Amino acid sequence: EETGLAKTTVIRLVQTLEQIGLLWGTASGY
């Protein structure tokens, strides 16, 4: 909603950020 990016693009970027430790996934979000 806030970036205007496609959901598939967001999921790909979030997964990459999580893999390199810049994001951390929880049950409530990142």
mmCIF file of all heavy atoms, coordinates in Angstrom:
data_MODEL
# 
_entry.id   MODEL 
# 
loop_
_atom_site.group_PDB 
_atom_site.id 
_atom_site.type_symbol 
_atom_site.label_atom_id 
_atom_site.label_alt_id 
_atom_site.label_comp_id 
_atom_site.label_asym_id 
_atom_site.label_entity_id 
_atom_site.label_seq_id 
_atom_site.pdbx_PDB_ins_code 
_atom_site.Cartn_x 
_atom_site.Cartn_y 
_atom_site.Cartn_z 
_atom_site.occupancy 
_atom_site.B_iso_or_equiv 
_atom_site.pdbx_formal_charge 
_atom_site.auth_seq_id 
_atom_site.auth_comp_id 
_atom_site.auth_asym_id 
_atom_site.auth_atom_id 
_atom_site.pdbx_PDB_model_num 
ATOM 1   N N   . GLU A 1 1  ? 0.813  -1.218  0.000  1.00 0.00 ? 1  GLU A N   1 
ATOM 2   C CA  . GLU A 1 1  ? 0.000  0.000   0.000  1.00 0.00 ? 1  GLU A CA  1 
ATOM 3   C C   . GLU A 1 1  ? 0.847  1.269   0.000  1.00 0.00 ? 1  GLU A C   1 
ATOM 4   O O   . GLU A 1 1  ? 0.522  2.245   -0.667 1.00 0.00 ? 1  GLU A O   1 
ATOM 5   C CB  . GLU A 1 1  ? -0.933 -0.005  1.220  1.00 0.00 ? 1  GLU A CB  1 
ATOM 6   C CG  . GLU A 1 1  ? -2.046 -1.034  1.138  1.00 0.00 ? 1  GLU A CG  1 
ATOM 7   C CD  . GLU A 1 1  ? -2.931 -1.016  2.372  1.00 0.00 ? 1  GLU A CD  1 
ATOM 8   O OE1 . GLU A 1 1  ? -2.587 -0.305  3.344  1.00 0.00 ? 1  GLU A OE1 1 
ATOM 9   O OE2 . GLU A 1 1  ? -3.976 -1.710  2.370  1.00 0.00 ? 1  GLU A OE2 1 
ATOM 10  N N   . GLU A 1 2  ? 1.949  1.262   0.724  1.00 0.00 ? 2  GLU A N   1 
ATOM 11  C CA  . GLU A 1 2  ? 2.720  2.489   0.900  1.00 0.00 ? 2  GLU A CA  1 
ATOM 12  C C   . GLU A 1 2  ? 3.797  2.706   -0.160 1.00 0.00 ? 2  GLU A C   1 
ATOM 13  O O   . GLU A 1 2  ? 4.220  3.835   -0.390 1.00 0.00 ? 2  GLU A O   1 
ATOM 14  C CB  . GLU A 1 2  ? 3.342  2.527   2.294  1.00 0.00 ? 2  GLU A CB  1 
ATOM 15  C CG  . GLU A 1 2  ? 2.276  2.527   3.375  1.00 0.00 ? 2  GLU A CG  1 
ATOM 16  C CD  . GLU A 1 2  ? 2.796  3.040   4.708  1.00 0.00 ? 2  GLU A CD  1 
ATOM 17  O OE1 . GLU A 1 2  ? 3.696  3.896   4.705  1.00 0.00 ? 2  GLU A OE1 1 
ATOM 18  O OE2 . GLU A 1 2  ? 2.282  2.559   5.731  1.00 0.00 ? 2  GLU A OE2 1 
ATOM 19  N N   . THR A 1 3  ? 4.240  1.632   -0.803 1.00 0.00 ? 3  THR A N   1 
ATOM 20  C CA  . THR A 1 3  ? 5.242  1.794   -1.859 1.00 0.00 ? 3  THR A CA  1 
ATOM 21  C C   . THR A 1 3  ? 4.633  1.799   -3.255 1.00 0.00 ? 3  THR A C   1 
ATOM 22  O O   . THR A 1 3  ? 5.240  2.296   -4.193 1.00 0.00 ? 3  THR A O   1 
ATOM 23  C CB  . THR A 1 3  ? 6.297  0.676   -1.801 1.00 0.00 ? 3  THR A CB  1 
ATOM 24  O OG1 . THR A 1 3  ? 5.655  -0.599  -2.067 1.00 0.00 ? 3  THR A OG1 1 
ATOM 25  C CG2 . THR A 1 3  ? 6.986  0.651   -0.442 1.00 0.00 ? 3  THR A CG2 1 
ATOM 26  N N   . GLY A 1 4  ? 3.420  1.222   -3.371 1.00 0.00 ? 4  GLY A N   1 
ATOM 27  C CA  . GLY A 1 4  ? 2.795  1.132   -4.681 1.00 0.00 ? 4  GLY A CA  1 
ATOM 28  C C   . GLY A 1 4  ? 3.366  0.025   -5.547 1.00 0.00 ? 4  GLY A C   1 
ATOM 29  O O   . GLY A 1 4  ? 3.022  -0.093  -6.740 1.00 0.00 ? 4  GLY A O   1 
ATOM 30  N N   . LEU A 1 5  ? 4.219  -0.811  -4.978 1.00 0.00 ? 5  LEU A N   1 
ATOM 31  C CA  . LEU A 1 5  ? 4.825  -1.908  -5.732 1.00 0.00 ? 5  LEU A CA  1 
ATOM 32  C C   . LEU A 1 5  ? 3.866  -3.092  -5.817 1.00 0.00 ? 5  LEU A C   1 
ATOM 33  O O   . LEU A 1 5  ? 2.982  -3.257  -4.970 1.00 0.00 ? 5  LEU A O   1 
ATOM 34  C CB  . LEU A 1 5  ? 6.125  -2.358  -5.052 1.00 0.00 ? 5  LEU A CB  1 
ATOM 35  C CG  . LEU A 1 5  ? 7.250  -1.331  -4.986 1.00 0.00 ? 5  LEU A CG  1 
ATOM 36  C CD1 . LEU A 1 5  ? 8.397  -1.869  -4.125 1.00 0.00 ? 5  LEU A CD1 1 
ATOM 37  C CD2 . LEU A 1 5  ? 7.745  -0.976  -6.385 1.00 0.00 ? 5  LEU A CD2 1 
ATOM 38  N N   . ALA A 1 6  ? 4.072  -3.923  -6.831 1.00 0.00 ? 6  ALA A N   1 
ATOM 39  C CA  . ALA A 1 6  ? 3.265  -5.134  -6.969 1.00 0.00 ? 6  ALA A CA  1 
ATOM 40  C C   . ALA A 1 6  ? 3.584  -6.088  -5.818 1.00 0.00 ? 6  ALA A C   1 
ATOM 41  O O   . ALA A 1 6  ? 4.716  -6.126  -5.322 1.00 0.00 ? 6  ALA A O   1 
ATOM 42  C CB  . ALA A 1 6  ? 3.571  -5.807  -8.301 1.00 0.00 ? 6  ALA A CB  1 
ATOM 43  N N   . LYS A 1 7  ? 2.584  -6.865  -5.408 1.00 0.00 ? 7  LYS A N   1 
ATOM 44  C CA  . LYS A 1 7  ? 2.770  -7.773  -4.280 1.00 0.00 ? 7  LYS A CA  1 
ATOM 45  C C   . LYS A 1 7  ? 3.899  -8.757  -4.539 1.00 0.00 ? 7  LYS A C   1 
ATOM 46  O O   . LYS A 1 7  ? 4.702  -9.049  -3.637 1.00 0.00 ? 7  LYS A O   1 
ATOM 47  C CB  . LYS A 1 7  ? 1.468  -8.516  -3.985 1.00 0.00 ? 7  LYS A CB  1 
ATOM 48  C CG  . LYS A 1 7  ? 1.541  -9.402  -2.750 1.00 0.00 ? 7  LYS A CG  1 
ATOM 49  C CD  . LYS A 1 7  ? 0.194  -10.039 -2.442 1.00 0.00 ? 7  LYS A CD  1 
ATOM 50  C CE  . LYS A 1 7  ? 0.276  -10.909 -1.199 1.00 0.00 ? 7  LYS A CE  1 
ATOM 51  N NZ  . LYS A 1 7  ? -1.040 -11.516 -0.854 1.00 0.00 ? 7  LYS A NZ  1 
ATOM 52  N N   . THR A 1 8  ? 3.998  -9.267  -5.766 1.00 0.00 ? 8  THR A N   1 
ATOM 53  C CA  . THR A 1 8  ? 5.056  -10.230 -6.093 1.00 0.00 ? 8  THR A CA  1 
ATOM 54  C C   . THR A 1 8  ? 6.438  -9.590  -5.945 1.00 0.00 ? 8  THR A C   1 
ATOM 55  O O   . THR A 1 8  ? 7.389  -10.225 -5.478 1.00 0.00 ? 8  THR A O   1 
ATOM 56  C CB  . THR A 1 8  ? 4.886  -10.764 -7.528 1.00 0.00 ? 8  THR A CB  1 
ATOM 57  O OG1 . THR A 1 8  ? 4.781  -9.640  -8.431 1.00 0.00 ? 8  THR A OG1 1 
ATOM 58  C CG2 . THR A 1 8  ? 3.632  -11.615 -7.641 1.00 0.00 ? 8  THR A CG2 1 
ATOM 59  N N   . THR A 1 9  ? 6.554  -8.322  -6.331 1.00 0.00 ? 9  THR A N   1 
ATOM 60  C CA  . THR A 1 9  ? 7.826  -7.605  -6.201 1.00 0.00 ? 9  THR A CA  1 
ATOM 61  C C   . THR A 1 9  ? 8.174  -7.408  -4.736 1.00 0.00 ? 9  THR A C   1 
ATOM 62  O O   . THR A 1 9  ? 9.329  -7.599  -4.324 1.00 0.00 ? 9  THR A O   1 
ATOM 63  C CB  . THR A 1 9  ? 7.756  -6.236  -6.897 1.00 0.00 ? 9  THR A CB  1 
ATOM 64  O OG1 . THR A 1 9  ? 7.463  -6.430  -8.284 1.00 0.00 ? 9  THR A OG1 1 
ATOM 65  C CG2 . THR A 1 9  ? 9.065  -5.474  -6.761 1.00 0.00 ? 9  THR A CG2 1 
ATOM 66  N N   . VAL A 1 10 ? 7.180  -7.040  -3.939 1.00 0.00 ? 10 VAL A N   1 
ATOM 67  C CA  . VAL A 1 10 ? 7.404  -6.832  -2.508 1.00 0.00 ? 10 VAL A CA  1 
ATOM 68  C C   . VAL A 1 10 ? 7.858  -8.118  -1.843 1.00 0.00 ? 10 VAL A C   1 
ATOM 69  O O   . VAL A 1 10 ? 8.817  -8.130  -1.056 1.00 0.00 ? 10 VAL A O   1 
ATOM 70  C CB  . VAL A 1 10 ? 6.124  -6.298  -1.831 1.00 0.00 ? 10 VAL A CB  1 
ATOM 71  C CG1 . VAL A 1 10 ? 6.256  -6.354  -0.306 1.00 0.00 ? 10 VAL A CG1 1 
ATOM 72  C CG2 . VAL A 1 10 ? 5.838  -4.878  -2.282 1.00 0.00 ? 10 VAL A CG2 1 
ATOM 73  N N   . ILE A 1 11 ? 7.185  -9.221  -2.153 1.00 0.00 ? 11 ILE A N   1 
ATOM 74  C CA  . ILE A 1 11 ? 7.554  -10.507 -1.548 1.00 0.00 ? 11 ILE A CA  1 
ATOM 75  C C   . ILE A 1 11 ? 8.991  -10.882 -1.906 1.00 0.00 ? 11 ILE A C   1 
ATOM 76  O O   . ILE A 1 11 ? 9.766  -11.323 -1.053 1.00 0.00 ? 11 ILE A O   1 
ATOM 77  C CB  . ILE A 1 11 ? 6.575  -11.608 -2.005 1.00 0.00 ? 11 ILE A CB  1 
ATOM 78  C CG1 . ILE A 1 11 ? 5.188  -11.355 -1.393 1.00 0.00 ? 11 ILE A CG1 1 
ATOM 79  C CG2 . ILE A 1 11 ? 7.089  -12.990 -1.608 1.00 0.00 ? 11 ILE A CG2 1 
ATOM 80  C CD1 . ILE A 1 11 ? 4.107  -12.288 -1.897 1.00 0.00 ? 11 ILE A CD1 1 
ATOM 81  N N   . ARG A 1 12 ? 9.374  -10.670 -3.163 1.00 0.00 ? 12 ARG A N   1 
ATOM 82  C CA  . ARG A 1 12 ? 10.736 -10.989 -3.596 1.00 0.00 ? 12 ARG A CA  1 
ATOM 83  C C   . ARG A 1 12 ? 11.766 -10.142 -2.855 1.00 0.00 ? 12 ARG A C   1 
ATOM 84  O O   . ARG A 1 12 ? 12.778 -10.653 -2.366 1.00 0.00 ? 12 ARG A O   1 
ATOM 85  C CB  . ARG A 1 12 ? 10.865 -10.782 -5.107 1.00 0.00 ? 12 ARG A CB  1 
ATOM 86  C CG  . ARG A 1 12 ? 12.283 -10.939 -5.638 1.00 0.00 ? 12 ARG A CG  1 
ATOM 87  C CD  . ARG A 1 12 ? 12.304 -10.855 -7.153 1.00 0.00 ? 12 ARG A CD  1 
ATOM 88  N NE  . ARG A 1 12 ? 11.690 -9.614  -7.644 1.00 0.00 ? 12 ARG A NE  1 
ATOM 89  C CZ  . ARG A 1 12 ? 12.320 -8.450  -7.677 1.00 0.00 ? 12 ARG A CZ  1 
ATOM 90  N NH1 . ARG A 1 12 ? 13.560 -8.352  -7.221 1.00 0.00 ? 12 ARG A NH1 1 
ATOM 91  N NH2 . ARG A 1 12 ? 11.718 -7.367  -8.136 1.00 0.00 ? 12 ARG A NH2 1 
ATOM 92  N N   . LEU A 1 13 ? 11.495 -8.834  -2.729 1.00 0.00 ? 13 LEU A N   1 
ATOM 93  C CA  . LEU A 1 13 ? 12.433 -7.949  -2.048 1.00 0.00 ? 13 LEU A CA  1 
ATOM 94  C C   . LEU A 1 13 ? 12.520 -8.263  -0.556 1.00 0.00 ? 13 LEU A C   1 
ATOM 95  O O   . LEU A 1 13 ? 13.611 -8.270  0.031  1.00 0.00 ? 13 LEU A O   1 
ATOM 96  C CB  . LEU A 1 13 ? 11.999 -6.491  -2.242 1.00 0.00 ? 13 LEU A CB  1 
ATOM 97  C CG  . LEU A 1 13 ? 12.182 -5.912  -3.650 1.00 0.00 ? 13 LEU A CG  1 
ATOM 98  C CD1 . LEU A 1 13 ? 11.458 -4.572  -3.764 1.00 0.00 ? 13 LEU A CD1 1 
ATOM 99  C CD2 . LEU A 1 13 ? 13.669 -5.739  -3.959 1.00 0.00 ? 13 LEU A CD2 1 
ATOM 100 N N   . VAL A 1 14 ? 11.366 -8.538  0.062  1.00 0.00 ? 14 VAL A N   1 
ATOM 101 C CA  . VAL A 1 14 ? 11.349 -8.856  1.489  1.00 0.00 ? 14 VAL A CA  1 
ATOM 102 C C   . VAL A 1 14 ? 12.117 -10.148 1.761  1.00 0.00 ? 14 VAL A C   1 
ATOM 103 O O   . VAL A 1 14 ? 12.877 -10.252 2.735  1.00 0.00 ? 14 VAL A O   1 
ATOM 104 C CB  . VAL A 1 14 ? 9.898  -8.959  1.996  1.00 0.00 ? 14 VAL A CB  1 
ATOM 105 C CG1 . VAL A 1 14 ? 9.844  -9.632  3.373  1.00 0.00 ? 14 VAL A CG1 1 
ATOM 106 C CG2 . VAL A 1 14 ? 9.263  -7.574  2.070  1.00 0.00 ? 14 VAL A CG2 1 
ATOM 107 N N   . GLN A 1 15 ? 11.945 -11.135 0.908  1.00 0.00 ? 15 GLN A N   1 
ATOM 108 C CA  . GLN A 1 15 ? 12.666 -12.400 1.079  1.00 0.00 ? 15 GLN A CA  1 
ATOM 109 C C   . GLN A 1 15 ? 14.177 -12.193 0.992  1.00 0.00 ? 15 GLN A C   1 
ATOM 110 O O   . GLN A 1 15 ? 14.936 -12.768 1.773  1.00 0.00 ? 15 GLN A O   1 
ATOM 111 C CB  . GLN A 1 15 ? 12.205 -13.415 0.030  1.00 0.00 ? 15 GLN A CB  1 
ATOM 112 C CG  . GLN A 1 15 ? 10.805 -13.953 0.281  1.00 0.00 ? 15 GLN A CG  1 
ATOM 113 C CD  . GLN A 1 15 ? 10.325 -14.871 -0.834 1.00 0.00 ? 15 GLN A CD  1 
ATOM 114 O OE1 . GLN A 1 15 ? 10.848 -14.852 -1.961 1.00 0.00 ? 15 GLN A OE1 1 
ATOM 115 N NE2 . GLN A 1 15 ? 9.320  -15.676 -0.537 1.00 0.00 ? 15 GLN A NE2 1 
ATOM 116 N N   . THR A 1 16 ? 14.585 -11.356 0.051  1.00 0.00 ? 16 THR A N   1 
ATOM 117 C CA  . THR A 1 16 ? 16.020 -11.065 -0.091 1.00 0.00 ? 16 THR A CA  1 
ATOM 118 C C   . THR A 1 16 ? 16.549 -10.344 1.142  1.00 0.00 ? 16 THR A C   1 
ATOM 119 O O   . THR A 1 16 ? 17.617 -10.684 1.671  1.00 0.00 ? 16 THR A O   1 
ATOM 120 C CB  . THR A 1 16 ? 16.272 -10.200 -1.346 1.00 0.00 ? 16 THR A CB  1 
ATOM 121 O OG1 . THR A 1 16 ? 15.826 -10.906 -2.502 1.00 0.00 ? 16 THR A OG1 1 
ATOM 122 C CG2 . THR A 1 16 ? 17.755 -9.879  -1.491 1.00 0.00 ? 16 THR A CG2 1 
ATOM 123 N N   . LEU A 1 17 ? 15.808 -9.335  1.606  1.00 0.00 ? 17 LEU A N   1 
ATOM 124 C CA  . LEU A 1 17 ? 16.229 -8.584  2.796  1.00 0.00 ? 17 LEU A CA  1 
ATOM 125 C C   . LEU A 1 17 ? 16.278 -9.486  4.027  1.00 0.00 ? 17 LEU A C   1 
ATOM 126 O O   . LEU A 1 17 ? 17.145 -9.324  4.890  1.00 0.00 ? 17 LEU A O   1 
ATOM 127 C CB  . LEU A 1 17 ? 15.272 -7.418  3.039  1.00 0.00 ? 17 LEU A CB  1 
ATOM 128 C CG  . LEU A 1 17 ? 15.344 -6.264  2.023  1.00 0.00 ? 17 LEU A CG  1 
ATOM 129 C CD1 . LEU A 1 17 ? 14.173 -5.299  2.217  1.00 0.00 ? 17 LEU A CD1 1 
ATOM 130 C CD2 . LEU A 1 17 ? 16.673 -5.519  2.162  1.00 0.00 ? 17 LEU A CD2 1 
ATOM 131 N N   . GLU A 1 18 ? 15.353 -10.438 4.093  1.00 0.00 ? 18 GLU A N   1 
ATOM 132 C CA  . GLU A 1 18 ? 15.348 -11.364 5.227  1.00 0.00 ? 18 GLU A CA  1 
ATOM 133 C C   . GLU A 1 18 ? 16.540 -12.318 5.155  1.00 0.00 ? 18 GLU A C   1 
ATOM 134 O O   . GLU A 1 18 ? 17.181 -12.614 6.168  1.00 0.00 ? 18 GLU A O   1 
ATOM 135 C CB  . GLU A 1 18 ? 14.033 -12.145 5.254  1.00 0.00 ? 18 GLU A CB  1 
ATOM 136 C CG  . GLU A 1 18 ? 13.850 -12.972 6.512  1.00 0.00 ? 18 GLU A CG  1 
ATOM 137 C CD  . GLU A 1 18 ? 12.474 -13.620 6.590  1.00 0.00 ? 18 GLU A CD  1 
ATOM 138 O OE1 . GLU A 1 18 ? 11.806 -13.732 5.549  1.00 0.00 ? 18 GLU A OE1 1 
ATOM 139 O OE2 . GLU A 1 18 ? 12.087 -14.011 7.706  1.00 0.00 ? 18 GLU A OE2 1 
ATOM 140 N N   . GLN A 1 19 ? 16.874 -12.770 3.959  1.00 0.00 ? 19 GLN A N   1 
ATOM 141 C CA  . GLN A 1 19 ? 17.999 -13.692 3.785  1.00 0.00 ? 19 GLN A CA  1 
ATOM 142 C C   . GLN A 1 19 ? 19.325 -13.072 4.217  1.00 0.00 ? 19 GLN A C   1 
ATOM 143 O O   . GLN A 1 19 ? 20.197 -13.755 4.752  1.00 0.00 ? 19 GLN A O   1 
ATOM 144 C CB  . GLN A 1 19 ? 18.083 -14.138 2.325  1.00 0.00 ? 19 GLN A CB  1 
ATOM 145 C CG  . GLN A 1 19 ? 16.988 -15.106 1.907  1.00 0.00 ? 19 GLN A CG  1 
ATOM 146 C CD  . GLN A 1 19 ? 16.959 -15.337 0.406  1.00 0.00 ? 19 GLN A CD  1 
ATOM 147 O OE1 . GLN A 1 19 ? 17.827 -14.853 -0.333 1.00 0.00 ? 19 GLN A OE1 1 
ATOM 148 N NE2 . GLN A 1 19 ? 15.967 -16.079 -0.063 1.00 0.00 ? 19 GLN A NE2 1 
ATOM 149 N N   . ILE A 1 20 ? 19.482 -11.767 3.992  1.00 0.00 ? 20 ILE A N   1 
ATOM 150 C CA  . ILE A 1 20 ? 20.751 -11.114 4.357  1.00 0.00 ? 20 ILE A CA  1 
ATOM 151 C C   . ILE A 1 20 ? 20.684 -10.459 5.738  1.00 0.00 ? 20 ILE A C   1 
ATOM 152 O O   . ILE A 1 20 ? 21.617 -9.760  6.143  1.00 0.00 ? 20 ILE A O   1 
ATOM 153 C CB  . ILE A 1 20 ? 21.174 -10.076 3.298  1.00 0.00 ? 20 ILE A CB  1 
ATOM 154 C CG1 . ILE A 1 20 ? 20.121 -8.982  3.119  1.00 0.00 ? 20 ILE A CG1 1 
ATOM 155 C CG2 . ILE A 1 20 ? 21.452 -10.748 1.970  1.00 0.00 ? 20 ILE A CG2 1 
ATOM 156 C CD1 . ILE A 1 20 ? 20.504 -7.921  2.100  1.00 0.00 ? 20 ILE A CD1 1 
ATOM 157 N N   . GLY A 1 21 ? 19.585 -10.703 6.453  1.00 0.00 ? 21 GLY A N   1 
ATOM 158 C CA  . GLY A 1 21 ? 19.498 -10.291 7.838  1.00 0.00 ? 21 GLY A CA  1 
ATOM 159 C C   . GLY A 1 21 ? 19.052 -8.868  8.095  1.00 0.00 ? 21 GLY A C   1 
ATOM 160 O O   . GLY A 1 21 ? 19.109 -8.386  9.230  1.00 0.00 ? 21 GLY A O   1 
ATOM 161 N N   . LEU A 1 22 ? 18.575 -8.169  7.043  1.00 0.00 ? 22 LEU A N   1 
ATOM 162 C CA  . LEU A 1 22 ? 18.150 -6.786  7.235  1.00 0.00 ? 22 LEU A CA  1 
ATOM 163 C C   . LEU A 1 22 ? 16.691 -6.688  7.663  1.00 0.00 ? 22 LEU A C   1 
ATOM 164 O O   . LEU A 1 22 ? 16.264 -5.650  8.158  1.00 0.00 ? 22 LEU A O   1 
ATOM 165 C CB  . LEU A 1 22 ? 18.394 -5.972  5.965  1.00 0.00 ? 22 LEU A CB  1 
ATOM 166 C CG  . LEU A 1 22 ? 19.851 -5.926  5.489  1.00 0.00 ? 22 LEU A CG  1 
ATOM 167 C CD1 . LEU A 1 22 ? 19.994 -5.023  4.286  1.00 0.00 ? 22 LEU A CD1 1 
ATOM 168 C CD2 . LEU A 1 22 ? 20.774 -5.466  6.609  1.00 0.00 ? 22 LEU A CD2 1 
ATOM 169 N N   . LEU A 1 23 ? 15.928 -7.742  7.452  1.00 0.00 ? 23 LEU A N   1 
ATOM 170 C CA  . LEU A 1 23 ? 14.566 -7.854  7.969  1.00 0.00 ? 23 LEU A CA  1 
ATOM 171 C C   . LEU A 1 23 ? 14.448 -9.164  8.731  1.00 0.00 ? 23 LEU A C   1 
ATOM 172 O O   . LEU A 1 23 ? 15.186 -10.128 8.468  1.00 0.00 ? 23 LEU A O   1 
ATOM 173 C CB  . LEU A 1 23 ? 13.534 -7.820  6.838  1.00 0.00 ? 23 LEU A CB  1 
ATOM 174 C CG  . LEU A 1 23 ? 13.198 -6.471  6.200  1.00 0.00 ? 23 LEU A CG  1 
ATOM 175 C CD1 . LEU A 1 23 ? 12.162 -6.659  5.100  1.00 0.00 ? 23 LEU A CD1 1 
ATOM 176 C CD2 . LEU A 1 23 ? 12.693 -5.458  7.230  1.00 0.00 ? 23 LEU A CD2 1 
ATOM 177 N N   . TRP A 1 24 ? 13.501 -9.206  9.653  1.00 0.00 ? 24 TRP A N   1 
ATOM 178 C CA  . TRP A 1 24 ? 13.272 -10.416 10.447 1.00 0.00 ? 24 TRP A CA  1 
ATOM 179 C C   . TRP A 1 24 ? 11.775 -10.673 10.481 1.00 0.00 ? 24 TRP A C   1 
ATOM 180 O O   . TRP A 1 24 ? 11.004 -9.842  10.934 1.00 0.00 ? 24 TRP A O   1 
ATOM 181 C CB  . TRP A 1 24 ? 13.816 -10.214 11.864 1.00 0.00 ? 24 TRP A CB  1 
ATOM 182 C CG  . TRP A 1 24 ? 13.788 -11.452 12.720 1.00 0.00 ? 24 TRP A CG  1 
ATOM 183 C CD1 . TRP A 1 24 ? 12.769 -11.855 13.536 1.00 0.00 ? 24 TRP A CD1 1 
ATOM 184 C CD2 . TRP A 1 24 ? 14.816 -12.435 12.827 1.00 0.00 ? 24 TRP A CD2 1 
ATOM 185 N NE1 . TRP A 1 24 ? 13.093 -13.024 14.158 1.00 0.00 ? 24 TRP A NE1 1 
ATOM 186 C CE2 . TRP A 1 24 ? 14.359 -13.415 13.751 1.00 0.00 ? 24 TRP A CE2 1 
ATOM 187 C CE3 . TRP A 1 24 ? 16.081 -12.586 12.265 1.00 0.00 ? 24 TRP A CE3 1 
ATOM 188 C CZ2 . TRP A 1 24 ? 15.118 -14.531 14.100 1.00 0.00 ? 24 TRP A CZ2 1 
ATOM 189 C CZ3 . TRP A 1 24 ? 16.839 -13.689 12.616 1.00 0.00 ? 24 TRP A CZ3 1 
ATOM 190 C CH2 . TRP A 1 24 ? 16.357 -14.650 13.520 1.00 0.00 ? 24 TRP A CH2 1 
ATOM 191 N N   . GLY A 1 25 ? 11.374 -11.830 9.962  1.00 0.00 ? 25 GLY A N   1 
ATOM 192 C CA  . GLY A 1 25 ? 9.963  -12.162 9.900  1.00 0.00 ? 25 GLY A CA  1 
ATOM 193 C C   . GLY A 1 25 ? 9.413  -12.661 11.227 1.00 0.00 ? 25 GLY A C   1 
ATOM 194 O O   . GLY A 1 25 ? 10.057 -13.443 11.921 1.00 0.00 ? 25 GLY A O   1 
ATOM 195 N N   . THR A 1 26 ? 8.220  -12.165 11.595 1.00 0.00 ? 26 THR A N   1 
ATOM 196 C CA  . THR A 1 26 ? 7.520  -12.618 12.801 1.00 0.00 ? 26 THR A CA  1 
ATOM 197 C C   . THR A 1 26 ? 6.077  -12.946 12.417 1.00 0.00 ? 26 THR A C   1 
ATOM 198 O O   . THR A 1 26 ? 5.653  -12.701 11.276 1.00 0.00 ? 26 THR A O   1 
ATOM 199 C CB  . THR A 1 26 ? 7.514  -11.526 13.895 1.00 0.00 ? 26 THR A CB  1 
ATOM 200 O OG1 . THR A 1 26 ? 6.608  -10.475 13.489 1.00 0.00 ? 26 THR A OG1 1 
ATOM 201 C CG2 . THR A 1 26 ? 8.905  -10.945 14.104 1.00 0.00 ? 26 THR A CG2 1 
ATOM 202 N N   . ALA A 1 27 ? 5.332  -13.449 13.377 1.00 0.00 ? 27 ALA A N   1 
ATOM 203 C CA  . ALA A 1 27 ? 3.933  -13.785 13.100 1.00 0.00 ? 27 ALA A CA  1 
ATOM 204 C C   . ALA A 1 27 ? 3.109  -12.534 12.802 1.00 0.00 ? 27 ALA A C   1 
ATOM 205 O O   . ALA A 1 27 ? 2.065  -12.614 12.141 1.00 0.00 ? 27 ALA A O   1 
ATOM 206 C CB  . ALA A 1 27 ? 3.339  -14.531 14.294 1.00 0.00 ? 27 ALA A CB  1 
ATOM 207 N N   . SER A 1 28 ? 3.559  -11.377 13.270 1.00 0.00 ? 28 SER A N   1 
ATOM 208 C CA  . SER A 1 28 ? 2.801  -10.135 13.093 1.00 0.00 ? 28 SER A CA  1 
ATOM 209 C C   . SER A 1 28 ? 3.285  -9.274  11.942 1.00 0.00 ? 28 SER A C   1 
ATOM 210 O O   . SER A 1 28 ? 2.650  -8.280  11.597 1.00 0.00 ? 28 SER A O   1 
ATOM 211 C CB  . SER A 1 28 ? 2.861  -9.308  14.386 1.00 0.00 ? 28 SER A CB  1 
ATOM 212 O OG  . SER A 1 28 ? 2.392  -10.056 15.483 1.00 0.00 ? 28 SER A OG  1 
ATOM 213 N N   . GLY A 1 29 ? 4.427  -9.625  11.369 1.00 0.00 ? 29 GLY A N   1 
ATOM 214 C CA  . GLY A 1 29 ? 4.979  -8.825  10.282 1.00 0.00 ? 29 GLY A CA  1 
ATOM 215 C C   . GLY A 1 29 ? 6.489  -8.878  10.277 1.00 0.00 ? 29 GLY A C   1 
ATOM 216 O O   . GLY A 1 29 ? 7.088  -9.790  10.856 1.00 0.00 ? 29 GLY A O   1 
ATOM 217 N N   . TYR A 1 30 ? 7.103  -7.885  9.661  1.00 0.00 ? 30 TYR A N   1 
ATOM 218 C CA  . TYR A 1 30 ? 8.556  -7.856  9.530  1.00 0.00 ? 30 TYR A CA  1 
ATOM 219 C C   . TYR A 1 30 ? 9.143  -6.705  10.349 1.00 0.00 ? 30 TYR A C   1 
ATOM 220 O O   . TYR A 1 30 ? 8.640  -5.586  10.324 1.00 0.00 ? 30 TYR A O   1 
ATOM 221 C CB  . TYR A 1 30 ? 8.959  -7.712  8.065  1.00 0.00 ? 30 TYR A CB  1 
ATOM 222 C CG  . TYR A 1 30 ? 8.643  -8.946  7.257  1.00 0.00 ? 30 TYR A CG  1 
ATOM 223 C CD1 . TYR A 1 30 ? 7.390  -9.110  6.680  1.00 0.00 ? 30 TYR A CD1 1 
ATOM 224 C CD2 . TYR A 1 30 ? 9.576  -9.964  7.113  1.00 0.00 ? 30 TYR A CD2 1 
ATOM 225 C CE1 . TYR A 1 30 ? 7.079  -10.254 5.962  1.00 0.00 ? 30 TYR A CE1 1 
ATOM 226 C CE2 . TYR A 1 30 ? 9.277  -11.120 6.393  1.00 0.00 ? 30 TYR A CE2 1 
ATOM 227 C CZ  . TYR A 1 30 ? 8.030  -11.258 5.819  1.00 0.00 ? 30 TYR A CZ  1 
ATOM 228 O OH  . TYR A 1 30 ? 7.725  -12.388 5.120  1.00 0.00 ? 30 TYR A OH  1 
# 
